[in-house]
């Protein structure tokens, strides 16, 4: 799926500016309308996850607060904050590559859509054919981060 490839390209862009390598694209009518990559480190803002960046850009582009005719493709399972933002934006479908056992908000930990309390529940689909590539990028990022920390500690 070309949309997930685009999300992974954005994850590489985040990696390049020392952010956790996660990318997201929002699609409407078969076309990408917004892109986002993690910008937490670059912008010194803990809320600027890839999904939030993409949602903000999509809402601005469309001039609306609801994206109910849109889908989001994310290189890693959204965290609880991002999954909730996706719900608030009323995004129709979430497609993600790798699961996140530590910080995931859908299949792990918070599992925010497992309750009936959300006003909007998107359809959720993992795309396992992209999981290895996304996970490898994350492993490499954290490996480099650990090496840098070890160098500082010496």
N, C-alpha and C. Protein backbone atom coordinates (compact mmCIF):
# COMPACT_ATOMS: atom_id res chain seq x y z
N UNK A 1 0.86 -1.19 0.00
CA UNK A 1 0.00 0.00 0.00
C UNK A 1 0.89 1.23 0.00
N UNK A 2 0.73 2.06 -0.98
CA UNK A 2 1.56 3.24 -1.13
C UNK A 2 1.39 4.22 0.04
N UNK A 3 0.22 4.26 0.65
CA UNK A 3 0.00 5.19 1.76
C UNK A 3 0.87 4.83 2.96
N UNK A 4 0.98 3.55 3.26
CA UNK A 4 1.83 3.15 4.38
C UNK A 4 3.30 3.39 4.04
N UNK A 5 3.69 3.19 2.79
CA UNK A 5 5.06 3.51 2.39
C UNK A 5 5.36 4.99 2.65
N UNK A 6 4.39 5.84 2.38
CA UNK A 6 4.57 7.28 2.62
C UNK A 6 4.73 7.55 4.12
N UNK A 7 3.97 6.85 4.95
CA UNK A 7 4.09 7.01 6.40
C UNK A 7 5.49 6.59 6.86
N UNK A 8 6.01 5.53 6.29
CA UNK A 8 7.35 5.07 6.68
C UNK A 8 8.43 6.05 6.20
N UNK A 9 8.24 6.65 5.05
CA UNK A 9 9.16 7.69 4.58
C UNK A 9 9.17 8.85 5.58
N UNK A 10 7.99 9.22 6.07
CA UNK A 10 7.91 10.30 7.07
C UNK A 10 8.57 9.88 8.39
N UNK A 11 8.46 8.60 8.74
CA UNK A 11 9.14 8.11 9.94
C UNK A 11 10.65 8.29 9.79
N UNK A 12 11.18 8.01 8.61
CA UNK A 12 12.61 8.23 8.36
C UNK A 12 12.97 9.71 8.50
N UNK A 13 12.09 10.57 8.07
CA UNK A 13 12.30 12.03 8.20
C UNK A 13 12.38 12.41 9.68
N UNK A 14 11.50 11.84 10.50
CA UNK A 14 11.55 12.10 11.94
C UNK A 14 12.88 11.63 12.52
N UNK A 15 13.31 10.44 12.12
CA UNK A 15 14.58 9.88 12.57
C UNK A 15 15.71 10.86 12.25
N UNK A 16 15.68 11.43 11.05
CA UNK A 16 16.74 12.34 10.62
C UNK A 16 16.85 13.58 11.50
N UNK A 17 15.75 14.02 12.11
CA UNK A 17 15.85 15.18 13.02
C UNK A 17 15.72 14.75 14.49
N UNK A 18 16.15 13.51 14.76
CA UNK A 18 16.29 12.99 16.12
C UNK A 18 14.98 12.83 16.87
N UNK A 19 13.91 12.60 16.15
CA UNK A 19 12.63 12.28 16.78
C UNK A 19 12.36 10.80 16.60
N UNK A 20 11.56 10.23 17.50
CA UNK A 20 11.17 8.83 17.37
C UNK A 20 10.56 8.65 15.98
N UNK A 21 11.04 7.68 15.21
CA UNK A 21 10.63 7.56 13.81
C UNK A 21 9.22 7.01 13.62
N UNK A 22 8.28 7.92 13.64
CA UNK A 22 6.88 7.59 13.37
C UNK A 22 6.35 8.59 12.36
N UNK A 23 5.64 8.09 11.36
CA UNK A 23 5.04 8.94 10.35
C UNK A 23 3.58 8.59 10.17
N UNK A 24 2.81 9.58 9.71
CA UNK A 24 1.37 9.39 9.49
C UNK A 24 0.93 10.16 8.25
N UNK A 25 0.01 9.57 7.52
CA UNK A 25 -0.63 10.28 6.41
C UNK A 25 -2.14 10.15 6.55
N UNK A 26 -2.83 11.20 6.17
CA UNK A 26 -4.29 11.18 6.16
C UNK A 26 -4.74 11.21 4.71
N UNK A 27 -5.66 10.29 4.41
CA UNK A 27 -6.11 10.06 3.04
C UNK A 27 -7.60 10.33 2.94
N UNK A 28 -7.96 11.02 1.87
CA UNK A 28 -9.38 11.28 1.56
C UNK A 28 -9.58 11.06 0.07
N UNK A 29 -10.58 10.30 -0.28
CA UNK A 29 -10.88 10.01 -1.68
C UNK A 29 -9.66 9.48 -2.45
N UNK A 30 -8.89 8.62 -1.78
CA UNK A 30 -7.75 8.00 -2.44
C UNK A 30 -6.53 8.88 -2.62
N UNK A 31 -6.52 10.07 -1.98
CA UNK A 31 -5.38 10.99 -2.11
C UNK A 31 -4.91 11.43 -0.74
N UNK A 32 -3.60 11.57 -0.60
CA UNK A 32 -3.05 12.08 0.65
C UNK A 32 -3.38 13.56 0.76
N UNK A 33 -4.00 13.94 1.87
CA UNK A 33 -4.33 15.36 2.08
C UNK A 33 -3.46 15.98 3.17
N UNK A 34 -2.83 15.15 3.99
CA UNK A 34 -1.96 15.69 5.04
C UNK A 34 -0.93 14.64 5.45
N UNK A 35 0.22 15.14 5.83
CA UNK A 35 1.32 14.30 6.28
C UNK A 35 1.81 14.81 7.63
N UNK A 36 2.38 13.91 8.40
CA UNK A 36 2.99 14.33 9.66
C UNK A 36 4.04 13.33 10.11
N UNK A 37 5.07 13.85 10.73
CA UNK A 37 6.06 12.99 11.35
C UNK A 37 6.26 13.50 12.77
N UNK A 38 6.76 12.65 13.65
CA UNK A 38 7.00 13.11 15.01
C UNK A 38 7.89 14.35 15.00
N UNK A 39 7.49 15.35 15.78
CA UNK A 39 8.23 16.60 15.87
C UNK A 39 8.43 17.01 17.33
N UNK A 40 8.38 16.04 18.22
CA UNK A 40 8.49 16.30 19.66
C UNK A 40 9.83 16.96 19.99
N UNK A 41 10.92 16.34 19.57
CA UNK A 41 12.26 16.88 19.86
C UNK A 41 12.52 18.16 19.07
N UNK A 42 12.16 18.14 17.81
CA UNK A 42 12.44 19.28 16.93
C UNK A 42 11.72 20.54 17.41
N UNK A 43 10.49 20.38 17.87
CA UNK A 43 9.68 21.54 18.30
C UNK A 43 9.64 21.72 19.81
N UNK A 44 10.26 20.79 20.55
CA UNK A 44 10.23 20.84 22.02
C UNK A 44 8.80 20.90 22.53
N UNK A 45 7.95 19.98 21.97
CA UNK A 45 6.54 19.94 22.33
C UNK A 45 6.11 18.47 22.41
N UNK A 46 5.78 17.98 23.61
CA UNK A 46 5.47 16.56 23.77
C UNK A 46 4.19 16.10 23.08
N UNK A 47 3.37 17.02 22.60
CA UNK A 47 2.13 16.62 21.94
C UNK A 47 2.27 16.49 20.42
N UNK A 48 3.40 16.83 19.88
CA UNK A 48 3.53 16.83 18.42
C UNK A 48 3.94 15.46 17.86
N UNK A 49 3.08 14.49 18.15
CA UNK A 49 3.24 13.16 17.55
C UNK A 49 2.79 13.24 16.09
N UNK A 50 3.23 12.28 15.30
CA UNK A 50 2.94 12.27 13.87
C UNK A 50 1.45 12.40 13.58
N UNK A 51 0.63 11.66 14.33
CA UNK A 51 -0.81 11.67 14.09
C UNK A 51 -1.41 13.06 14.37
N UNK A 52 -0.97 13.69 15.44
CA UNK A 52 -1.48 15.03 15.81
C UNK A 52 -1.08 16.05 14.75
N UNK A 53 0.17 15.97 14.30
CA UNK A 53 0.64 16.89 13.25
C UNK A 53 -0.21 16.71 11.99
N UNK A 54 -0.43 15.46 11.59
CA UNK A 54 -1.23 15.18 10.38
C UNK A 54 -2.68 15.64 10.55
N UNK A 55 -3.28 15.39 11.72
CA UNK A 55 -4.66 15.82 11.97
C UNK A 55 -4.76 17.34 11.89
N UNK A 56 -3.83 18.05 12.52
CA UNK A 56 -3.86 19.52 12.47
C UNK A 56 -3.77 20.02 11.04
N UNK A 57 -2.89 19.43 10.27
CA UNK A 57 -2.72 19.87 8.87
C UNK A 57 -3.97 19.54 8.04
N UNK A 58 -4.56 18.37 8.26
CA UNK A 58 -5.76 17.99 7.50
C UNK A 58 -6.93 18.91 7.84
N UNK A 59 -7.13 19.20 9.12
CA UNK A 59 -8.23 20.08 9.52
C UNK A 59 -8.05 21.48 8.94
N UNK A 60 -6.82 21.96 8.97
CA UNK A 60 -6.54 23.29 8.41
C UNK A 60 -6.80 23.30 6.90
N UNK A 61 -6.32 22.26 6.21
CA UNK A 61 -6.50 22.20 4.76
C UNK A 61 -7.97 22.13 4.37
N UNK A 62 -8.74 21.32 5.11
CA UNK A 62 -10.16 21.14 4.76
C UNK A 62 -11.07 22.18 5.42
N UNK A 63 -10.54 22.93 6.37
CA UNK A 63 -11.36 23.93 7.06
C UNK A 63 -12.46 23.32 7.90
N UNK A 64 -12.15 22.20 8.56
CA UNK A 64 -13.15 21.49 9.36
C UNK A 64 -12.49 20.87 10.58
N UNK A 65 -13.31 20.53 11.57
CA UNK A 65 -12.77 19.82 12.74
C UNK A 65 -13.02 18.33 12.67
N UNK A 66 -13.85 17.89 11.76
CA UNK A 66 -14.14 16.47 11.61
C UNK A 66 -13.57 15.94 10.30
N UNK A 67 -12.98 14.75 10.39
CA UNK A 67 -12.36 14.12 9.23
C UNK A 67 -13.02 12.75 9.00
N UNK A 68 -14.35 12.73 9.08
CA UNK A 68 -15.08 11.46 9.04
C UNK A 68 -15.09 10.77 7.68
N UNK A 69 -14.59 11.44 6.67
CA UNK A 69 -14.46 10.80 5.36
C UNK A 69 -12.99 10.54 5.04
N UNK A 70 -12.16 10.47 6.09
CA UNK A 70 -10.72 10.28 5.93
C UNK A 70 -10.24 9.04 6.67
N UNK A 71 -9.09 8.55 6.23
CA UNK A 71 -8.40 7.43 6.85
C UNK A 71 -7.01 7.90 7.25
N UNK A 72 -6.44 7.27 8.27
CA UNK A 72 -5.08 7.59 8.68
C UNK A 72 -4.23 6.33 8.62
N UNK A 73 -3.03 6.48 8.09
CA UNK A 73 -2.04 5.41 8.00
C UNK A 73 -0.87 5.84 8.86
N UNK A 74 -0.49 4.97 9.81
CA UNK A 74 0.54 5.30 10.78
C UNK A 74 1.56 4.17 10.83
N UNK A 75 2.83 4.52 10.90
CA UNK A 75 3.87 3.50 10.90
C UNK A 75 3.94 2.71 12.20
N UNK A 76 3.36 3.24 13.29
CA UNK A 76 3.33 2.54 14.57
C UNK A 76 1.95 2.73 15.19
N UNK A 77 1.48 1.71 15.88
CA UNK A 77 0.20 1.80 16.59
C UNK A 77 0.11 3.10 17.39
N UNK A 78 -0.95 3.87 17.22
CA UNK A 78 -1.08 5.13 17.96
C UNK A 78 -1.11 4.92 19.48
N UNK A 79 -0.53 5.88 20.19
CA UNK A 79 -0.59 5.88 21.65
C UNK A 79 -2.01 6.31 22.07
N UNK A 80 -2.25 6.30 23.36
CA UNK A 80 -3.59 6.66 23.86
C UNK A 80 -3.96 8.09 23.48
N UNK A 81 -3.00 9.03 23.57
CA UNK A 81 -3.29 10.42 23.20
C UNK A 81 -3.71 10.52 21.73
N UNK A 82 -2.94 9.88 20.87
CA UNK A 82 -3.22 9.98 19.44
C UNK A 82 -4.49 9.22 19.05
N UNK A 83 -4.71 8.06 19.65
CA UNK A 83 -5.93 7.32 19.37
C UNK A 83 -7.15 8.13 19.77
N UNK A 84 -7.06 8.82 20.91
CA UNK A 84 -8.17 9.67 21.35
C UNK A 84 -8.36 10.85 20.39
N UNK A 85 -7.27 11.46 19.96
CA UNK A 85 -7.36 12.56 18.99
C UNK A 85 -7.99 12.08 17.68
N UNK A 86 -7.62 10.89 17.25
CA UNK A 86 -8.22 10.31 16.03
C UNK A 86 -9.72 10.15 16.23
N UNK A 87 -10.13 9.71 17.41
CA UNK A 87 -11.56 9.58 17.72
C UNK A 87 -12.25 10.94 17.71
N UNK A 88 -11.63 11.93 18.35
CA UNK A 88 -12.21 13.27 18.39
C UNK A 88 -12.34 13.87 16.99
N UNK A 89 -11.37 13.56 16.11
CA UNK A 89 -11.41 14.06 14.72
C UNK A 89 -12.38 13.24 13.86
N UNK A 90 -12.88 12.15 14.42
CA UNK A 90 -13.83 11.27 13.74
C UNK A 90 -13.27 10.64 12.47
N UNK A 91 -12.00 10.31 12.51
CA UNK A 91 -11.37 9.65 11.36
C UNK A 91 -11.99 8.26 11.21
N UNK A 92 -12.28 7.91 10.00
CA UNK A 92 -13.04 6.69 9.68
C UNK A 92 -12.27 5.41 9.96
N UNK A 93 -11.02 5.33 9.49
CA UNK A 93 -10.22 4.10 9.61
C UNK A 93 -8.81 4.42 10.08
N UNK A 94 -8.28 3.55 10.93
CA UNK A 94 -6.87 3.61 11.33
C UNK A 94 -6.19 2.38 10.75
N UNK A 95 -5.12 2.61 10.01
CA UNK A 95 -4.27 1.53 9.52
C UNK A 95 -2.89 1.76 10.14
N UNK A 96 -2.34 0.75 10.79
CA UNK A 96 -1.01 0.92 11.37
C UNK A 96 -0.13 -0.27 11.02
N UNK A 97 1.18 -0.03 11.01
CA UNK A 97 2.14 -1.07 10.63
C UNK A 97 2.51 -1.93 11.83
N UNK A 98 3.30 -1.42 12.73
CA UNK A 98 3.79 -2.20 13.87
C UNK A 98 2.94 -1.95 15.11
N UNK A 99 2.80 -2.99 15.93
CA UNK A 99 2.15 -2.80 17.22
C UNK A 99 3.17 -2.21 18.19
N UNK A 100 2.67 -1.58 19.25
CA UNK A 100 3.53 -0.97 20.25
C UNK A 100 3.16 -1.53 21.62
N UNK A 101 3.89 -2.55 22.03
CA UNK A 101 3.59 -3.23 23.30
C UNK A 101 3.75 -2.31 24.51
N UNK A 102 4.65 -1.33 24.43
CA UNK A 102 4.91 -0.45 25.57
C UNK A 102 3.99 0.75 25.60
N UNK A 103 3.79 1.39 24.46
CA UNK A 103 3.05 2.65 24.46
C UNK A 103 1.79 2.69 23.63
N UNK A 104 1.43 1.55 23.06
CA UNK A 104 0.25 1.53 22.19
C UNK A 104 -1.04 1.80 22.95
N UNK A 105 -1.94 2.47 22.29
CA UNK A 105 -3.22 2.80 22.91
C UNK A 105 -4.39 2.02 22.36
N UNK A 106 -4.13 1.09 21.44
CA UNK A 106 -5.22 0.36 20.78
C UNK A 106 -5.17 -1.13 21.13
N UNK A 107 -4.04 -1.78 20.85
CA UNK A 107 -3.94 -3.23 21.11
C UNK A 107 -3.23 -3.53 22.41
N UNK A 108 -2.56 -2.56 22.97
CA UNK A 108 -1.80 -2.75 24.21
C UNK A 108 -2.13 -1.62 25.18
N UNK A 109 -1.79 -1.83 26.42
CA UNK A 109 -1.93 -0.81 27.47
C UNK A 109 -3.34 -0.23 27.56
N UNK A 110 -3.52 1.01 27.15
CA UNK A 110 -4.79 1.73 27.36
C UNK A 110 -5.98 1.06 26.66
N UNK A 111 -5.76 0.53 25.48
CA UNK A 111 -6.82 -0.13 24.70
C UNK A 111 -8.09 0.73 24.71
N UNK A 112 -7.93 1.97 24.29
CA UNK A 112 -9.01 2.95 24.49
C UNK A 112 -10.30 2.65 23.75
N UNK A 113 -10.25 1.88 22.71
CA UNK A 113 -11.49 1.60 21.97
C UNK A 113 -12.21 0.35 22.48
N UNK A 114 -11.70 -0.25 23.54
CA UNK A 114 -12.34 -1.44 24.09
C UNK A 114 -13.54 -1.10 24.99
N UNK A 115 -13.82 0.17 25.15
CA UNK A 115 -14.99 0.57 25.94
C UNK A 115 -16.03 1.16 24.99
N UNK A 116 -17.24 1.29 25.48
CA UNK A 116 -18.31 1.90 24.68
C UNK A 116 -18.41 3.40 24.93
N UNK A 117 -17.45 3.98 25.61
CA UNK A 117 -17.54 5.37 26.03
C UNK A 117 -17.10 6.38 24.97
N UNK A 118 -16.53 5.92 23.89
CA UNK A 118 -16.10 6.86 22.84
C UNK A 118 -17.27 7.22 21.94
N UNK A 119 -17.38 8.49 21.66
CA UNK A 119 -18.44 8.94 20.76
C UNK A 119 -18.21 8.46 19.33
N UNK A 120 -16.95 8.29 18.98
CA UNK A 120 -16.60 7.88 17.62
C UNK A 120 -15.56 6.77 17.71
N UNK A 121 -15.84 5.65 17.11
CA UNK A 121 -14.90 4.55 17.10
C UNK A 121 -14.54 4.21 15.66
N UNK A 122 -13.29 4.48 15.29
CA UNK A 122 -12.88 4.14 13.92
C UNK A 122 -12.70 2.64 13.75
N UNK A 123 -12.72 2.21 12.51
CA UNK A 123 -12.35 0.84 12.21
C UNK A 123 -10.82 0.78 12.27
N UNK A 124 -10.30 -0.33 12.75
CA UNK A 124 -8.87 -0.44 13.00
C UNK A 124 -8.33 -1.67 12.28
N UNK A 125 -7.20 -1.48 11.59
CA UNK A 125 -6.60 -2.60 10.89
C UNK A 125 -5.09 -2.49 10.95
N UNK A 126 -4.45 -3.55 11.42
CA UNK A 126 -3.00 -3.60 11.35
C UNK A 126 -2.61 -4.08 9.96
N UNK A 127 -1.50 -3.55 9.45
CA UNK A 127 -0.96 -3.97 8.17
C UNK A 127 0.38 -4.67 8.46
N UNK A 128 0.33 -5.94 8.83
CA UNK A 128 1.54 -6.63 9.29
C UNK A 128 2.65 -6.71 8.25
N UNK A 129 2.31 -6.58 6.98
CA UNK A 129 3.34 -6.63 5.94
C UNK A 129 4.34 -5.47 6.05
N UNK A 130 3.99 -4.42 6.81
CA UNK A 130 4.88 -3.29 7.02
C UNK A 130 5.48 -3.26 8.43
N UNK A 131 5.07 -4.19 9.27
CA UNK A 131 5.48 -4.17 10.68
C UNK A 131 6.99 -4.32 10.85
N UNK A 132 7.61 -5.22 10.13
CA UNK A 132 9.05 -5.45 10.29
C UNK A 132 9.87 -4.22 9.93
N UNK A 133 9.53 -3.57 8.84
CA UNK A 133 10.26 -2.38 8.41
C UNK A 133 10.12 -1.26 9.44
N UNK A 134 8.92 -1.04 9.92
CA UNK A 134 8.70 -0.01 10.92
C UNK A 134 9.42 -0.33 12.22
N UNK A 135 9.32 -1.57 12.68
CA UNK A 135 9.97 -1.98 13.93
C UNK A 135 11.49 -1.88 13.82
N UNK A 136 12.05 -2.25 12.68
CA UNK A 136 13.50 -2.16 12.48
C UNK A 136 13.98 -0.72 12.57
N UNK A 137 13.22 0.18 12.00
CA UNK A 137 13.56 1.61 12.06
C UNK A 137 13.56 2.10 13.52
N UNK A 138 12.56 1.69 14.28
CA UNK A 138 12.48 2.07 15.69
C UNK A 138 13.64 1.47 16.49
N UNK A 139 13.95 0.19 16.25
CA UNK A 139 15.07 -0.44 16.96
C UNK A 139 16.38 0.29 16.68
N UNK A 140 16.61 0.63 15.42
CA UNK A 140 17.84 1.34 15.05
C UNK A 140 17.91 2.72 15.73
N UNK A 141 16.80 3.41 15.77
CA UNK A 141 16.75 4.72 16.41
C UNK A 141 17.14 4.61 17.89
N UNK A 142 16.51 3.67 18.60
CA UNK A 142 16.79 3.55 20.03
C UNK A 142 18.18 2.98 20.30
N UNK A 143 18.70 2.17 19.39
CA UNK A 143 20.08 1.68 19.51
C UNK A 143 21.05 2.85 19.42
N UNK A 144 20.84 3.72 18.44
CA UNK A 144 21.70 4.90 18.29
C UNK A 144 21.58 5.83 19.49
N UNK A 145 20.37 5.96 20.00
CA UNK A 145 20.14 6.82 21.16
C UNK A 145 20.88 6.29 22.40
N UNK A 146 20.84 4.97 22.60
CA UNK A 146 21.56 4.35 23.73
C UNK A 146 23.06 4.55 23.58
N UNK A 147 23.58 4.37 22.35
CA UNK A 147 25.01 4.57 22.11
C UNK A 147 25.42 6.00 22.43
N UNK A 148 24.61 6.96 22.00
CA UNK A 148 24.91 8.37 22.27
C UNK A 148 24.92 8.65 23.77
N UNK A 149 23.98 8.06 24.48
CA UNK A 149 23.91 8.25 25.94
C UNK A 149 25.13 7.63 26.62
N UNK A 150 25.53 6.44 26.17
CA UNK A 150 26.71 5.79 26.73
C UNK A 150 27.96 6.64 26.51
N UNK A 151 28.06 7.25 25.34
CA UNK A 151 29.20 8.11 25.04
C UNK A 151 29.24 9.33 25.97
N UNK A 152 28.08 9.87 26.28
CA UNK A 152 28.00 11.02 27.18
C UNK A 152 28.37 10.63 28.60
N UNK A 153 28.01 9.41 29.01
CA UNK A 153 28.25 8.95 30.37
C UNK A 153 29.73 8.63 30.64
N UNK A 154 30.51 8.46 29.58
CA UNK A 154 31.94 8.09 29.75
C UNK A 154 32.78 9.27 30.15
